[in-house]
């Protein structure tokens, strides 16, 4: 007996049922999930390969330019160290100051007073000290012209002092240094002795340098004739006056100063020593000569014969 099996005929309704109500072909959800996993794995593999290739390429680049890399690392270390310098110095290097040394030719400055002023630095931090402030504090002392200070590792400070050099008295209350700068130190026994041998200069407060320059020029000129110049004064109206030798006052006036000084030297050097001792004042403000006032009160006019 034969049986015939006939394949089922796909009808329109059957195909439509598989496509669903929307008419679109249904997808197998399980099959779509597998595809997404495969795509993700493929992307990861591709990204990992690219990352690994980038690392290898960067390593090669670093090896080819290792000198520049080392330099950059050094700069980074320097920058980090600089930003953290205070903490580093304070923690590891800022030892307390234990020694204080003062150098320089000191004649008038009281070293004990200076050490007492600087004694408070002992025990302070080696690097935390403000050197500029310490320098200005010392330079504010009347006998100090300038000062410098430096650290000497690990715990020593060294001061170098340049002392003021007095070259003249100024207006009876202060002193002048070689630059014509006025300074006024405290009175000491050594200062009083020094002031006694210094020339006496006087004038308007803002004319100290010009008076000192005038004194220096006249002193050198008169020294050639063994005439000692002990004082120079500039009056408010611009007239000059001198004191020479044993206290003889010389009036020079305002004009033709060099010419009148030459006339003074010409007349003065002709006088014998005994007559010089009797002179009170010499007035050079004449056209053709000088007027000499003697200590006895007599007045004599002498013509130089050169005018």
C-alpha atoms as a PDB file:
ATOM      1  CA  UNK A   1       0.000   0.000   0.000  1.00  0.00           C
ATOM      2  CA  UNK A   2       1.514   3.308  -0.945  1.00  0.00           C
ATOM      3  CA  UNK A   3       1.032   6.538   0.911  1.00  0.00           C
ATOM      4  CA  UNK A   4       1.860   9.874  -0.518  1.00  0.00           C
ATOM      5  CA  UNK A   5       3.065  12.625   1.711  1.00  0.00           C
ATOM      6  CA  UNK A   6       2.498  16.004   0.282  1.00  0.00           C
ATOM      7  CA  UNK A   7       4.584  18.983   1.380  1.00  0.00           C
ATOM      8  CA  UNK A   8       2.549  21.652   2.992  1.00  0.00           C
ATOM      9  CA  UNK A   9       1.765  24.534   0.765  1.00  0.00           C
ATOM     10  CA  UNK A  10       2.826  27.934   2.102  1.00  0.00           C
ATOM     11  CA  UNK A  11      -0.025  30.191   1.861  1.00  0.00           C
ATOM     12  CA  UNK A  12      -0.124  33.939   2.037  1.00  0.00           C
ATOM     13  CA  UNK A  13      -1.582  33.786   5.526  1.00  0.00           C
ATOM     14  CA  UNK A  14       1.304  31.665   6.827  1.00  0.00           C
ATOM     15  CA  UNK A  15       3.957  34.050   5.499  1.00  0.00           C
ATOM     16  CA  UNK A  16       2.042  36.975   6.860  1.00  0.00           C
ATOM     17  CA  UNK A  17       1.845  35.382  10.313  1.00  0.00           C
ATOM     18  CA  UNK A  18       5.662  35.058  10.352  1.00  0.00           C
ATOM     19  CA  UNK A  19       6.121  38.642   9.359  1.00  0.00           C
ATOM     20  CA  UNK A  20       3.737  39.812  12.022  1.00  0.00           C
ATOM     21  CA  UNK A  21       1.049  42.370  12.020  1.00  0.00           C
ATOM     22  CA  UNK A  22       3.319  45.087  10.673  1.00  0.00           C
ATOM     23  CA  UNK A  23       4.165  43.187   7.643  1.00  0.00           C
ATOM     24  CA  UNK A  24       7.932  43.212   8.418  1.00  0.00           C
ATOM     25  CA  UNK A  25       9.947  40.078   8.699  1.00  0.00           C
ATOM     26  CA  UNK A  26      10.569  39.097  12.257  1.00  0.00           C
ATOM     27  CA  UNK A  27      14.182  38.799  13.466  1.00  0.00           C
ATOM     28  CA  UNK A  28      15.447  36.168  15.714  1.00  0.00           C
ATOM     29  CA  UNK A  29      16.312  38.042  18.945  1.00  0.00           C
ATOM     30  CA  UNK A  30      18.898  35.494  19.957  1.00  0.00           C
ATOM     31  CA  UNK A  31      20.668  35.693  16.641  1.00  0.00           C
ATOM     32  CA  UNK A  32      20.777  39.579  16.792  1.00  0.00           C
ATOM     33  CA  UNK A  33      22.334  39.549  20.307  1.00  0.00           C
ATOM     34  CA  UNK A  34      25.105  37.268  19.151  1.00  0.00           C
ATOM     35  CA  UNK A  35      25.889  39.635  16.302  1.00  0.00           C
ATOM     36  CA  UNK A  36      26.161  42.621  18.662  1.00  0.00           C
ATOM     37  CA  UNK A  37      28.527  40.755  20.993  1.00  0.00           C
ATOM     38  CA  UNK A  38      30.688  39.815  18.033  1.00  0.00           C
ATOM     39  CA  UNK A  39      30.823  43.431  16.858  1.00  0.00           C
ATOM     40  CA  UNK A  40      31.759  44.678  20.353  1.00  0.00           C
ATOM     41  CA  UNK A  41      34.482  42.070  20.713  1.00  0.00           C
ATOM     42  CA  UNK A  42      35.815  43.026  17.336  1.00  0.00           C
ATOM     43  CA  UNK A  43      35.926  46.706  18.319  1.00  0.00           C
ATOM     44  CA  UNK A  44      37.692  45.869  21.576  1.00  0.00           C
ATOM     45  CA  UNK A  45      40.253  43.809  19.761  1.00  0.00           C
ATOM     46  CA  UNK A  46      40.799  46.575  17.223  1.00  0.00           C
ATOM     47  CA  UNK A  47      41.061  49.247  19.954  1.00  0.00           C
ATOM     48  CA  UNK A  48      43.442  47.130  22.013  1.00  0.00           C
ATOM     49  CA  UNK A  49      45.626  46.514  18.998  1.00  0.00           C
ATOM     50  CA  UNK A  50      45.723  50.226  18.232  1.00  0.00           C
ATOM     51  CA  UNK A  51      46.527  51.055  21.882  1.00  0.00           C
ATOM     52  CA  UNK A  52      49.324  48.506  21.928  1.00  0.00           C
ATOM     53  CA  UNK A  53      50.676  49.856  18.654  1.00  0.00           C
ATOM     54  CA  UNK A  54      50.534  53.382  20.118  1.00  0.00           C
ATOM     55  CA  UNK A  55      52.450  52.278  23.210  1.00  0.00           C
ATOM     56  CA  UNK A  56      55.090  50.591  21.088  1.00  0.00           C
ATOM     57  CA  UNK A  57      55.347  53.663  18.861  1.00  0.00           C
ATOM     58  CA  UNK A  58      55.626  55.989  21.852  1.00  0.00           C
ATOM     59  CA  UNK A  59      58.327  53.787  23.385  1.00  0.00           C
ATOM     60  CA  UNK A  60      60.314  53.975  20.175  1.00  0.00           C
ATOM     61  CA  UNK A  61      59.847  57.727  20.050  1.00  0.00           C
ATOM     62  CA  UNK A  62      61.034  58.084  23.643  1.00  0.00           C
ATOM     63  CA  UNK A  63      64.075  55.934  22.937  1.00  0.00           C
ATOM     64  CA  UNK A  64      64.971  57.996  19.880  1.00  0.00           C
ATOM     65  CA  UNK A  65      64.628  61.255  21.854  1.00  0.00           C
ATOM     66  CA  UNK A  66      65.796  60.092  25.263  1.00  0.00           C
ATOM     67  CA  UNK A  67      68.044  63.161  25.733  1.00  0.00           C
ATOM     68  CA  UNK A  68      65.072  65.509  25.371  1.00  0.00           C
ATOM     69  CA  UNK A  69      62.979  63.304  27.641  1.00  0.00           C
ATOM     70  CA  UNK A  70      65.677  63.381  30.307  1.00  0.00           C
ATOM     71  CA  UNK A  71      65.901  67.173  30.002  1.00  0.00           C
ATOM     72  CA  UNK A  72      62.133  67.549  30.368  1.00  0.00           C
ATOM     73  CA  UNK A  73      62.157  65.314  33.442  1.00  0.00           C
ATOM     74  CA  UNK A  74      64.951  67.388  34.945  1.00  0.00           C
ATOM     75  CA  UNK A  75      62.972  70.581  34.377  1.00  0.00           C
ATOM     76  CA  UNK A  76      59.938  69.015  35.996  1.00  0.00           C
ATOM     77  CA  UNK A  77      62.034  68.080  39.031  1.00  0.00           C
ATOM     78  CA  UNK A  78      63.474  71.617  39.207  1.00  0.00           C
ATOM     79  CA  UNK A  79      60.010  73.178  39.048  1.00  0.00           C
ATOM     80  CA  UNK A  80      58.703  70.873  41.766  1.00  0.00           C
ATOM     81  CA  UNK A  81      61.737  71.545  43.956  1.00  0.00           C
ATOM     82  CA  UNK A  82      61.376  75.316  43.449  1.00  0.00           C
ATOM     83  CA  UNK A  83      57.694  75.325  44.383  1.00  0.00           C
ATOM     84  CA  UNK A  84      58.501  73.325  47.507  1.00  0.00           C
ATOM     85  CA  UNK A  85      61.756  75.125  48.321  1.00  0.00           C
ATOM     86  CA  UNK A  86      60.580  76.723  51.557  1.00  0.00           C
ATOM     87  CA  UNK A  87      59.487  73.422  53.010  1.00  0.00           C
ATOM     88  CA  UNK A  88      62.632  71.654  51.799  1.00  0.00           C
ATOM     89  CA  UNK A  89      64.975  74.334  53.128  1.00  0.00           C
ATOM     90  CA  UNK A  90      63.121  74.662  56.386  1.00  0.00           C
ATOM     91  CA  UNK A  91      63.029  70.948  57.045  1.00  0.00           C
ATOM     92  CA  UNK A  92      66.463  69.812  55.916  1.00  0.00           C
ATOM     93  CA  UNK A  93      68.826  72.794  55.506  1.00  0.00           C
ATOM     94  CA  UNK A  94      67.708  75.668  57.741  1.00  0.00           C
ATOM     95  CA  UNK A  95      70.122  75.163  60.627  1.00  0.00           C
ATOM     96  CA  UNK A  96      70.254  77.784  63.397  1.00  0.00           C
ATOM     97  CA  UNK A  97      72.974  80.439  63.119  1.00  0.00           C
ATOM     98  CA  UNK A  98      75.750  79.743  65.609  1.00  0.00           C
ATOM     99  CA  UNK A  99      78.607  82.023  64.506  1.00  0.00           C
ATOM    100  CA  UNK A 100      78.807  85.696  63.550  1.00  0.00           C
ATOM    101  CA  UNK A 101      81.963  87.194  62.020  1.00  0.00           C
ATOM    102  CA  UNK A 102      82.619  90.912  61.406  1.00  0.00           C
ATOM    103  CA  UNK A 103      85.321  91.944  58.924  1.00  0.00           C
ATOM    104  CA  UNK A 104      86.633  95.343  57.874  1.00  0.00           C
ATOM    105  CA  UNK A 105      88.961  98.093  59.058  1.00  0.00           C
ATOM    106  CA  UNK A 106      87.043  99.485  62.021  1.00  0.00           C
ATOM    107  CA  UNK A 107      88.456 102.557  63.753  1.00  0.00           C
ATOM    108  CA  UNK A 108      85.570 104.581  65.156  1.00  0.00           C
ATOM    109  CA  UNK A 109      82.699 102.106  65.110  1.00  0.00           C
ATOM    110  CA  UNK A 110      82.194 100.438  68.480  1.00  0.00           C
ATOM    111  CA  UNK A 111      82.452  96.736  67.676  1.00  0.00           C
ATOM    112  CA  UNK A 112      80.866  95.758  70.996  1.00  0.00           C
ATOM    113  CA  UNK A 113      77.812  97.877  70.154  1.00  0.00           C
ATOM    114  CA  UNK A 114      77.678  96.331  66.687  1.00  0.00           C
ATOM    115  CA  UNK A 115      77.873  92.798  68.079  1.00  0.00           C
ATOM    116  CA  UNK A 116      75.167  93.594  70.623  1.00  0.00           C
ATOM    117  CA  UNK A 117      72.971  94.855  67.775  1.00  0.00           C
ATOM    118  CA  UNK A 118      73.576  91.703  65.743  1.00  0.00           C
ATOM    119  CA  UNK A 119      73.571  89.282  68.662  1.00  0.00           C
ATOM    120  CA  UNK A 120      69.885  88.563  68.216  1.00  0.00           C
ATOM    121  CA  UNK A 121      70.713  86.699  64.994  1.00  0.00           C
ATOM    122  CA  UNK A 122      72.245  83.802  66.917  1.00  0.00           C
ATOM    123  CA  UNK A 123      69.796  80.923  66.900  1.00  0.00           C
ATOM    124  CA  UNK A 124      67.775  82.219  63.951  1.00  0.00           C
ATOM    125  CA  UNK A 125      67.238  80.040  60.869  1.00  0.00           C
ATOM    126  CA  UNK A 126      70.157  80.039  58.432  1.00  0.00           C
ATOM    127  CA  UNK A 127      67.984  80.430  55.322  1.00  0.00           C
ATOM    128  CA  UNK A 128      64.981  82.173  56.844  1.00  0.00           C
ATOM    129  CA  UNK A 129      66.943  85.385  57.593  1.00  0.00           C
ATOM    130  CA  UNK A 130      66.224  88.430  55.415  1.00  0.00           C
ATOM    131  CA  UNK A 131      69.738  89.491  54.390  1.00  0.00           C
ATOM    132  CA  UNK A 132      68.613  92.729  52.730  1.00  0.00           C
ATOM    133  CA  UNK A 133      66.851  93.855  55.894  1.00  0.00           C
ATOM    134  CA  UNK A 134      69.896  93.000  58.014  1.00  0.00           C
ATOM    135  CA  UNK A 135      72.152  94.915  55.600  1.00  0.00           C
ATOM    136  CA  UNK A 136      70.026  98.086  55.708  1.00  0.00           C
ATOM    137  CA  UNK A 137      69.855  97.911  59.497  1.00  0.00           C
ATOM    138  CA  UNK A 138      73.655  97.975  59.779  1.00  0.00           C
ATOM    139  CA  UNK A 139      74.043 100.675  57.116  1.00  0.00           C
ATOM    140  CA  UNK A 140      71.695 102.877  59.142  1.00  0.00           C
ATOM    141  CA  UNK A 141      74.419 103.176  61.801  1.00  0.00           C
ATOM    142  CA  UNK A 142      76.123 106.563  61.515  1.00  0.00           C
ATOM    143  CA  UNK A 143      79.692 105.257  61.225  1.00  0.00           C
ATOM    144  CA  UNK A 144      78.867 102.661  58.536  1.00  0.00           C
ATOM    145  CA  UNK A 145      79.240 103.756  54.915  1.00  0.00           C
ATOM    146  CA  UNK A 146      78.159 100.416  53.468  1.00  0.00           C
ATOM    147  CA  UNK A 147      77.857  96.808  54.560  1.00  0.00           C
ATOM    148  CA  UNK A 148      77.483  93.379  53.005  1.00  0.00           C
ATOM    149  CA  UNK A 149      76.386  90.110  54.539  1.00  0.00           C
ATOM    150  CA  UNK A 150      76.642  86.547  53.308  1.00  0.00           C
ATOM    151  CA  UNK A 151      75.822  83.075  54.554  1.00  0.00           C
ATOM    152  CA  UNK A 152      78.597  80.522  55.063  1.00  0.00           C
ATOM    153  CA  UNK A 153      77.331  76.974  55.279  1.00  0.00           C
ATOM    154  CA  UNK A 154      76.233  75.502  57.589  1.00  0.00           C
ATOM    155  CA  UNK A 155      75.682  77.997  60.429  1.00  0.00           C
ATOM    156  CA  UNK A 156      77.787  81.146  59.976  1.00  0.00           C
ATOM    157  CA  UNK A 157      77.042  84.750  58.954  1.00  0.00           C
ATOM    158  CA  UNK A 158      79.817  87.057  57.743  1.00  0.00           C
ATOM    159  CA  UNK A 159      79.492  90.848  57.816  1.00  0.00           C
ATOM    160  CA  UNK A 160      81.853  93.100  55.869  1.00  0.00           C
ATOM    161  CA  UNK A 161      81.796  96.682  57.112  1.00  0.00           C
ATOM    162  CA  UNK A 162      83.145  99.722  55.267  1.00  0.00           C
ATOM    163  CA  UNK A 163      83.481 102.480  57.838  1.00  0.00           C
ATOM    164  CA  UNK A 164      82.938 106.159  57.160  1.00  0.00           C
ATOM    165  CA  UNK A 165      86.198 108.077  56.700  1.00  0.00           C
ATOM    166  CA  UNK A 166      85.913 111.615  58.123  1.00  0.00           C
ATOM    167  CA  UNK A 167      87.850 114.226  56.149  1.00  0.00           C
ATOM    168  CA  UNK A 168      86.390 117.467  57.527  1.00  0.00           C
ATOM    169  CA  UNK A 169      84.142 118.986  60.162  1.00  0.00           C
ATOM    170  CA  UNK A 170      80.941 120.425  58.752  1.00  0.00           C
ATOM    171  CA  UNK A 171      79.154 123.415  60.271  1.00  0.00           C
ATOM    172  CA  UNK A 172      80.516 122.531  63.696  1.00  0.00           C
ATOM    173  CA  UNK A 173      78.068 119.669  64.272  1.00  0.00           C
ATOM    174  CA  UNK A 174      78.666 116.999  61.645  1.00  0.00           C
ATOM    175  CA  UNK A 175      81.374 115.410  59.498  1.00  0.00           C
ATOM    176  CA  UNK A 176      82.053 114.982  55.791  1.00  0.00           C
ATOM    177  CA  UNK A 177      83.350 111.853  54.103  1.00  0.00           C
ATOM    178  CA  UNK A 178      85.562 111.981  50.966  1.00  0.00           C
ATOM    179  CA  UNK A 179      82.460 112.184  48.747  1.00  0.00           C
ATOM    180  CA  UNK A 180      81.130 115.289  50.459  1.00  0.00           C
ATOM    181  CA  UNK A 181      78.368 113.323  52.184  1.00  0.00           C
ATOM    182  CA  UNK A 182      77.292 114.541  55.599  1.00  0.00           C
ATOM    183  CA  UNK A 183      77.067 112.138  58.536  1.00  0.00           C
ATOM    184  CA  UNK A 184      76.644 112.817  62.229  1.00  0.00           C
ATOM    185  CA  UNK A 185      77.954 110.141  64.592  1.00  0.00           C
ATOM    186  CA  UNK A 186      77.743 110.148  68.360  1.00  0.00           C
ATOM    187  CA  UNK A 187      80.464 111.867  70.340  1.00  0.00           C
ATOM    188  CA  UNK A 188      83.289 109.622  71.551  1.00  0.00           C
ATOM    189  CA  UNK A 189      86.766 110.303  72.860  1.00  0.00           C
ATOM    190  CA  UNK A 190      88.377 109.057  69.667  1.00  0.00           C
ATOM    191  CA  UNK A 191      86.000 111.192  67.597  1.00  0.00           C
ATOM    192  CA  UNK A 192      86.842 114.320  69.563  1.00  0.00           C
ATOM    193  CA  UNK A 193      90.531 113.727  68.934  1.00  0.00           C
ATOM    194  CA  UNK A 194      89.840 113.183  65.235  1.00  0.00           C
ATOM    195  CA  UNK A 195      87.724 116.323  64.932  1.00  0.00           C
ATOM    196  CA  UNK A 196      90.524 118.393  66.443  1.00  0.00           C
ATOM    197  CA  UNK A 197      92.855 117.569  63.554  1.00  0.00           C
ATOM    198  CA  UNK A 198      90.279 117.868  60.761  1.00  0.00           C
ATOM    199  CA  UNK A 199      89.716 121.107  58.824  1.00  0.00           C
ATOM    200  CA  UNK A 200      86.608 123.122  59.638  1.00  0.00           C
ATOM    201  CA  UNK A 201      84.302 123.623  56.647  1.00  0.00           C
ATOM    202  CA  UNK A 202      81.046 125.533  56.734  1.00  0.00           C
ATOM    203  CA  UNK A 203      78.358 126.733  54.361  1.00  0.00           C
ATOM    204  CA  UNK A 204      74.767 126.172  53.315  1.00  0.00           C
ATOM    205  CA  UNK A 205      73.611 122.628  53.976  1.00  0.00           C
ATOM    206  CA  UNK A 206      73.230 121.830  50.277  1.00  0.00           C
ATOM    207  CA  UNK A 207      76.749 123.080  49.399  1.00  0.00           C
ATOM    208  CA  UNK A 208      78.820 120.519  51.295  1.00  0.00           C
ATOM    209  CA  UNK A 209      80.323 118.950  48.151  1.00  0.00           C
ATOM    210  CA  UNK A 210      81.289 122.273  46.564  1.00  0.00           C
ATOM    211  CA  UNK A 211      82.892 123.528  49.787  1.00  0.00           C
ATOM    212  CA  UNK A 212      84.877 120.305  50.134  1.00  0.00           C
ATOM    213  CA  UNK A 213      86.019 120.546  46.504  1.00  0.00           C
ATOM    214  CA  UNK A 214      87.128 124.163  47.053  1.00  0.00           C
ATOM    215  CA  UNK A 215      89.024 123.157  50.174  1.00  0.00           C
ATOM    216  CA  UNK A 216      90.808 120.309  48.373  1.00  0.00           C
ATOM    217  CA  UNK A 217      91.957 122.576  45.537  1.00  0.00           C
ATOM    218  CA  UNK A 218      93.196 125.372  47.813  1.00  0.00           C
ATOM    219  CA  UNK A 219      94.887 122.971  50.221  1.00  0.00           C
ATOM    220  CA  UNK A 220      96.977 121.380  47.464  1.00  0.00           C
ATOM    221  CA  UNK A 221      97.943 124.753  46.060  1.00  0.00           C
ATOM    222  CA  UNK A 222      98.943 126.250  49.397  1.00  0.00           C
ATOM    223  CA  UNK A 223     100.823 123.131  50.454  1.00  0.00           C
ATOM    224  CA  UNK A 224     103.381 123.911  47.719  1.00  0.00           C
ATOM    225  CA  UNK A 225     104.298 127.053  49.718  1.00  0.00           C
ATOM    226  CA  UNK A 226     104.143 125.418  53.172  1.00  0.00           C
ATOM    227  CA  UNK A 227     100.924 127.238  54.018  1.00  0.00           C
ATOM    228  CA  UNK A 228      98.494 125.193  56.061  1.00  0.00           C
ATOM    229  CA  UNK A 229      94.813 125.655  55.260  1.00  0.00           C
ATOM    230  CA  UNK A 230      92.697 124.884  58.327  1.00  0.00           C
ATOM    231  CA  UNK A 231      89.227 126.245  57.455  1.00  0.00           C
ATOM    232  CA  UNK A 232      87.070 127.217  54.477  1.00  0.00           C
ATOM    233  CA  UNK A 233      83.665 128.865  54.720  1.00  0.00           C
ATOM    234  CA  UNK A 234      81.062 129.817  52.154  1.00  0.00           C
ATOM    235  CA  UNK A 235      78.656 132.524  53.266  1.00  0.00           C
ATOM    236  CA  UNK A 236      75.012 132.676  52.275  1.00  0.00           C
ATOM    237  CA  UNK A 237      75.679 135.437  49.733  1.00  0.00           C
ATOM    238  CA  UNK A 238      78.455 133.434  48.039  1.00  0.00           C
ATOM    239  CA  UNK A 239      81.559 135.022  49.607  1.00  0.00           C
ATOM    240  CA  UNK A 240      84.498 132.775  50.492  1.00  0.00           C
ATOM    241  CA  UNK A 241      86.752 133.046  53.548  1.00  0.00           C
ATOM    242  CA  UNK A 242      89.746 131.003  54.739  1.00  0.00           C
ATOM    243  CA  UNK A 243      91.761 130.390  57.869  1.00  0.00           C
ATOM    244  CA  UNK A 244      95.461 129.641  57.373  1.00  0.00           C
ATOM    245  CA  UNK A 245      98.387 128.677  59.590  1.00  0.00           C
ATOM    246  CA  UNK A 246      98.000 129.865  63.183  1.00  0.00           C
ATOM    247  CA  UNK A 247      94.498 131.283  62.781  1.00  0.00           C
ATOM    248  CA  UNK A 248      94.901 134.078  60.196  1.00  0.00           C
ATOM    249  CA  UNK A 249      91.557 134.843  58.576  1.00  0.00           C
ATOM    250  CA  UNK A 250      91.553 135.581  54.836  1.00  0.00           C
ATOM    251  CA  UNK A 251      88.677 137.285  53.029  1.00  0.00           C
ATOM    252  CA  UNK A 252      88.420 136.256  49.372  1.00  0.00           C
ATOM    253  CA  UNK A 253      85.004 137.637  48.419  1.00  0.00           C
ATOM    254  CA  UNK A 254      82.835 136.301  45.578  1.00  0.00           C
ATOM    255  CA  UNK A 255      84.843 136.978  42.403  1.00  0.00           C
ATOM    256  CA  UNK A 256      88.242 136.122  40.904  1.00  0.00           C
ATOM    257  CA  UNK A 257      88.994 133.625  43.663  1.00  0.00           C
ATOM    258  CA  UNK A 258      92.031 132.050  41.987  1.00  0.00           C
ATOM    259  CA  UNK A 259      93.555 135.435  41.217  1.00  0.00           C
ATOM    260  CA  UNK A 260      93.111 136.622  44.793  1.00  0.00           C
ATOM    261  CA  UNK A 261      94.601 133.413  46.183  1.00  0.00           C
ATOM    262  CA  UNK A 262      97.686 133.934  43.996  1.00  0.00           C
ATOM    263  CA  UNK A 263      97.978 137.479  45.333  1.00  0.00           C
ATOM    264  CA  UNK A 264      97.627 136.208  48.906  1.00  0.00           C
ATOM    265  CA  UNK A 265     100.412 133.662  48.409  1.00  0.00           C
ATOM    266  CA  UNK A 266     102.661 136.272  46.800  1.00  0.00           C
ATOM    267  CA  UNK A 267     102.328 138.683  49.732  1.00  0.00           C
ATOM    268  CA  UNK A 268     102.291 136.095  52.499  1.00  0.00           C
ATOM    269  CA  UNK A 269     105.433 134.283  51.389  1.00  0.00           C
ATOM    270  CA  UNK A 270     107.386 137.572  51.438  1.00  0.00           C
ATOM    271  CA  UNK A 271     106.741 138.053  55.131  1.00  0.00           C
ATOM    272  CA  UNK A 272     109.210 136.663  57.605  1.00  0.00           C
ATOM    273  CA  UNK A 273     107.937 134.186  60.191  1.00  0.00           C
ATOM    274  CA  UNK A 274     107.887 136.756  63.006  1.00  0.00           C
ATOM    275  CA  UNK A 275     105.602 139.102  61.121  1.00  0.00           C
ATOM    276  CA  UNK A 276     103.262 136.283  60.106  1.00  0.00           C
ATOM    277  CA  UNK A 277     102.579 135.533  63.752  1.00  0.00           C
ATOM    278  CA  UNK A 278     101.323 139.101  64.270  1.00  0.00           C
ATOM    279  CA  UNK A 279      98.761 139.030  61.441  1.00  0.00           C
ATOM    280  CA  UNK A 280      95.086 139.022  62.391  1.00  0.00           C
ATOM    281  CA  UNK A 281      93.311 139.144  59.016  1.00  0.00           C
ATOM    282  CA  UNK A 282      94.171 139.520  55.325  1.00  0.00           C
ATOM    283  CA  UNK A 283      91.647 141.088  52.975  1.00  0.00           C
ATOM    284  CA  UNK A 284      92.253 140.291  49.315  1.00  0.00           C
ATOM    285  CA  UNK A 285      89.185 142.129  47.981  1.00  0.00           C
ATOM    286  CA  UNK A 286      91.262 145.003  46.644  1.00  0.00           C
ATOM    287  CA  UNK A 287      92.122 145.675  43.038  1.00  0.00           C
ATOM    288  CA  UNK A 288      95.911 145.954  43.301  1.00  0.00           C
ATOM    289  CA  UNK A 289      96.864 144.582  46.668  1.00  0.00           C
ATOM    290  CA  UNK A 290      95.742 143.186  50.030  1.00  0.00           C
ATOM    291  CA  UNK A 291      94.937 144.762  53.376  1.00  0.00           C
ATOM    292  CA  UNK A 292      96.603 143.215  56.417  1.00  0.00           C
ATOM    293  CA  UNK A 293      95.164 143.746  59.883  1.00  0.00           C
ATOM    294  CA  UNK A 294      97.813 143.237  62.552  1.00  0.00           C
ATOM    295  CA  UNK A 295      97.058 141.924  65.975  1.00  0.00           C
ATOM    296  CA  UNK A 296      98.205 145.221  67.483  1.00  0.00           C
ATOM    297  CA  UNK A 297      95.432 146.953  65.527  1.00  0.00           C
ATOM    298  CA  UNK A 298      97.526 148.576  62.794  1.00  0.00           C
ATOM    299  CA  UNK A 299      96.533 148.213  59.143  1.00  0.00           C
ATOM    300  CA  UNK A 300      98.962 148.026  56.277  1.00  0.00           C
ATOM    301  CA  UNK A 301      98.246 147.752  52.576  1.00  0.00           C
ATOM    302  CA  UNK A 302     100.777 145.980  50.438  1.00  0.00           C
ATOM    303  CA  UNK A 303     100.852 146.030  46.646  1.00  0.00           C
ATOM    304  CA  UNK A 304     101.961 142.812  44.954  1.00  0.00           C
ATOM    305  CA  UNK A 305     103.297 144.702  41.936  1.00  0.00           C
ATOM    306  CA  UNK A 306     101.601 142.136  39.659  1.00  0.00           C
ATOM    307  CA  UNK A 307      98.230 143.860  39.127  1.00  0.00           C
END
